[in-house]
Structure formats: structure tokens, C-alpha cells
Amino acid sequence: QVEYEAKAKPVSGVRVLTVKFNADTAITMPWRFIPDQHDVKVLPGEAALAFFTAENKTNEDIIGVASYNIQPEGAALYFNKIQCFCFEEQMLKAKEKVDMPVFFFIDPDFLKDKAMDQVDTVTLSYTFFKAGDADAPEVAGMHMPLLPARDRQAAAAK
């Protein structure tokens, strides 16, 4: 766990990073889930706030759980979520539409990692699952590799 106060200090005079947002739902999740912005520009260490919108399009209450992925893979070491809807299960009532925030920063140590020298864009992707589905993560906010469910199951069986 990174100490927010110690690390979230914008480093000016260096390159600006673009954080792109992606939102998906599992095939069994009847929600509409989209990022409210395509991307934001941040300095390493600068705290930023982004919003996603989720809408339950059914006539029943549904509990969802989100997993996330950060690309390129090495950038995940430096991506810190301070507050996120993905930390807990989310319950949307029938036909309910809500804003879901994520408050984050990229650790300034990102700039010291030679493997990140050519990286100016980081993508934060979320996938919402119905809680309890076979593909759903066991823990809300779990970092998921970019593998389809069948490939994750095959890898887990090895």
C-alpha cells in the first residue's frame, strides 16, 4: 500500500502522461457501463479524478463486482487508486443509473523505471461482473490479467 500523502506530489517539468479509460461488462451482466471521459492528462504524482457511469437496465436489483487491468503491464506497479468503486461490490436497483468515481495517481517512481521511458499512455480498464458468476473475481477490485475467462480457467488448472 502506497502512502498517498508521501507519493502524490506532482512532478512538474517532466513529461505529461495520458491515462485512457475503458469499461466493459461480462456477457452475463445486463448493465450499461461507460467511462465519462475518454482520457485525462496527468503529471506523475498528480492526483486525478475520473468518473464512470453504470446503469442497471433490468427490472431487478443486481449486485456487481469490478475487476481492473492496467496496460502496459509494467505501469500497474505505479498506478495507485486512492478511492475506487471497484473496492467494494456495487448494488444497483432496477433501472438505477449512478456515477462511479475513481481517484488515482501515478507514482513519481514511474519516471525512474527505464522500462517506462517510452510509455506516455496508460490504460485503465474495468470489467463489471454479476457477483457470484463463475467469471467474477472473488475479491472486488482484483487486478485481472488480460486473458479471456476460458484461458484463465485453463491456466488455473495447470
Protein backbone atom coordinates (compact mmCIF):
# COMPACT_ATOMS: atom_id res chain seq x y z
CA GLN A 1 0.00 0.00 0.00
CA VAL A 2 1.48 3.32 -1.10
CA GLU A 3 1.25 6.28 1.26
CA TYR A 4 -0.79 8.81 -0.66
CA GLU A 5 0.50 11.89 1.17
CA ALA A 6 4.13 10.90 0.65
CA LYS A 7 3.88 9.98 -3.04
CA ALA A 8 1.07 12.06 -4.57
CA LYS A 9 3.06 15.20 -5.24
CA PRO A 10 3.03 16.38 -8.86
CA VAL A 11 6.43 16.34 -10.53
CA SER A 12 6.47 19.36 -12.84
CA GLY A 13 8.91 19.89 -15.69
CA VAL A 14 8.65 16.26 -16.79
CA ARG A 15 6.53 14.51 -19.33
CA VAL A 16 2.77 14.57 -19.12
CA LEU A 17 1.09 11.17 -19.11
CA THR A 18 -2.23 10.28 -20.71
CA VAL A 19 -4.48 7.92 -18.78
CA LYS A 20 -7.11 6.35 -21.03
CA PHE A 21 -10.25 4.68 -19.70
CA ASN A 22 -12.06 1.58 -20.87
CA ALA A 23 -15.21 -0.03 -19.49
CA ASP A 24 -16.70 -3.43 -20.25
CA THR A 25 -19.27 -5.78 -18.80
CA ALA A 26 -19.23 -9.54 -18.72
CA ILE A 27 -21.65 -11.16 -21.14
CA THR A 28 -23.99 -12.10 -18.27
CA MET A 29 -24.02 -8.56 -16.78
CA PRO A 30 -27.02 -6.58 -18.09
CA TRP A 31 -25.60 -3.19 -17.11
CA ARG A 32 -24.54 -0.34 -19.33
CA PHE A 33 -21.09 0.74 -18.08
CA ILE A 34 -19.07 3.53 -19.70
CA PRO A 35 -16.29 5.97 -18.84
CA ASP A 36 -17.49 9.59 -18.66
CA GLN A 37 -14.23 10.77 -20.23
CA HIS A 38 -12.00 9.12 -22.81
CA ASP A 39 -8.78 10.17 -21.11
CA VAL A 40 -7.10 12.63 -18.75
CA LYS A 41 -3.64 14.19 -18.79
CA VAL A 42 -1.67 13.94 -15.54
CA LEU A 43 1.79 14.58 -14.20
CA PRO A 44 3.40 11.75 -12.28
CA GLY A 45 2.34 12.21 -8.65
CA GLU A 46 -0.71 14.32 -9.55
CA ALA A 47 -3.97 13.07 -8.07
CA ALA A 48 -6.80 12.87 -10.60
CA LEU A 49 -10.48 12.03 -10.50
CA ALA A 50 -12.36 10.18 -13.23
CA PHE A 51 -15.96 9.03 -13.43
CA PHE A 52 -17.73 6.07 -14.93
CA THR A 53 -21.48 5.67 -15.35
CA ALA A 54 -23.26 2.40 -14.62
CA GLU A 55 -26.89 1.74 -15.43
CA ASN A 56 -28.91 -1.31 -14.48
CA LYS A 57 -31.16 -1.84 -17.48
CA THR A 58 -33.26 -4.58 -15.87
CA ASN A 59 -36.32 -4.69 -13.62
CA GLU A 60 -34.40 -6.36 -10.79
CA ASP A 61 -31.70 -5.27 -8.35
CA ILE A 62 -28.26 -6.55 -9.31
CA ILE A 63 -25.00 -6.69 -7.36
CA GLY A 64 -21.89 -6.18 -9.46
CA VAL A 65 -18.20 -6.58 -8.83
CA ALA A 66 -15.49 -4.90 -10.91
CA SER A 67 -12.05 -6.14 -11.81
CA TYR A 68 -9.43 -3.92 -13.37
CA ASN A 69 -6.47 -4.14 -15.69
CA ILE A 70 -3.70 -1.63 -16.37
CA GLN A 71 -1.71 -1.58 -19.59
CA PRO A 72 1.10 -1.64 -20.31
CA GLU A 73 1.58 -4.32 -17.67
CA GLY A 74 4.64 -2.71 -16.08
CA ALA A 75 2.72 0.51 -15.43
CA ALA A 76 0.47 -1.33 -12.97
CA LEU A 77 3.27 -1.12 -10.39
CA TYR A 78 2.92 2.66 -10.35
CA PHE A 79 -0.84 3.10 -10.71
CA ASN A 80 -2.39 3.85 -7.32
CA LYS A 81 -6.11 4.04 -6.71
CA ILE A 82 -6.87 6.14 -3.62
CA GLN A 83 -10.63 5.64 -3.80
CA CYS A 84 -12.47 3.44 -6.24
CA PHE A 85 -15.89 1.94 -6.83
CA CYS A 86 -14.00 -1.28 -7.51
CA PHE A 87 -13.01 -1.68 -3.85
CA GLU A 88 -16.47 -2.99 -2.96
CA GLU A 89 -19.41 -4.74 -4.56
CA GLN A 90 -21.90 -2.33 -6.09
CA MET A 91 -25.66 -2.81 -5.91
CA LEU A 92 -27.83 -1.06 -8.46
CA LYS A 93 -31.56 -1.11 -8.05
CA ALA A 94 -33.79 -1.87 -11.04
CA LYS A 95 -33.33 0.83 -13.73
CA GLU A 96 -30.91 2.76 -11.49
CA LYS A 97 -28.14 4.87 -13.04
CA VAL A 98 -25.16 6.02 -10.94
CA ASP A 99 -21.82 7.81 -11.27
CA MET A 100 -18.84 5.81 -10.07
CA PRO A 101 -15.63 7.71 -9.26
CA VAL A 102 -12.04 6.60 -9.19
CA PHE A 103 -9.43 8.82 -7.52
CA PHE A 104 -5.87 7.89 -8.51
CA PHE A 105 -2.29 8.94 -9.13
CA ILE A 106 0.75 7.53 -10.88
CA ASP A 107 3.69 7.15 -8.52
CA PRO A 108 6.55 9.52 -9.46
CA ASP A 109 8.90 6.49 -9.31
CA PHE A 110 7.39 5.71 -12.73
CA LEU A 111 9.92 8.24 -14.09
CA LYS A 112 12.88 6.28 -12.67
CA ASP A 113 11.91 2.99 -14.32
CA LYS A 114 13.83 2.60 -17.59
CA ALA A 115 11.17 0.15 -18.81
CA MET A 116 8.67 3.05 -18.69
CA ASP A 117 10.85 5.52 -20.64
CA GLN A 118 8.81 5.14 -23.82
CA VAL A 119 5.43 4.92 -22.07
CA ASP A 120 3.34 8.08 -22.27
CA THR A 121 -0.09 6.43 -22.23
CA VAL A 122 -1.53 4.16 -19.55
CA THR A 123 -4.90 2.47 -19.98
CA LEU A 124 -7.15 1.68 -17.02
CA SER A 125 -9.78 -0.89 -17.93
CA TYR A 126 -12.64 -2.17 -15.79
CA THR A 127 -14.95 -5.10 -16.32
CA PHE A 128 -18.14 -5.46 -14.29
CA PHE A 129 -19.42 -8.94 -13.48
CA LYS A 130 -22.56 -10.11 -11.72
CA ALA A 131 -21.45 -11.03 -8.20
CA GLY A 132 -21.27 -14.80 -7.85
CA ASP A 133 -20.86 -15.56 -11.57
CA ALA A 134 -18.17 -18.07 -12.49
CA ASP A 135 -16.10 -15.37 -14.24
CA ALA A 136 -16.46 -12.83 -11.42
CA PRO A 137 -13.39 -12.09 -9.32
CA GLU A 138 -13.54 -13.46 -5.80
CA VAL A 139 -12.43 -10.11 -4.39
CA ALA A 140 -13.80 -6.74 -5.51
CA GLY A 141 -11.16 -4.69 -7.30
CA MET A 142 -8.98 -7.67 -8.16
CA HIS A 143 -6.37 -6.97 -10.82
CA MET A 144 -7.15 -9.32 -13.68
CA PRO A 145 -4.75 -10.33 -16.43
CA LEU A 146 -5.86 -9.75 -19.99
CA LEU A 147 -6.97 -13.33 -20.55
CA PRO A 148 -10.43 -14.47 -21.55
CA ALA A 149 -12.19 -16.47 -18.84
CA ARG A 150 -11.61 -19.80 -20.55
CA ASP A 151 -7.86 -19.08 -20.74
CA ARG A 152 -7.76 -18.05 -17.06
CA GLN A 153 -9.52 -21.32 -16.17
CA ALA A 154 -7.05 -23.33 -18.25
CA ALA A 155 -4.10 -21.50 -16.66
CA ALA A 156 -5.53 -22.10 -13.17
CA ALA A 157 -5.93 -25.83 -13.90
CA LYS A 158 -2.19 -26.16 -14.65
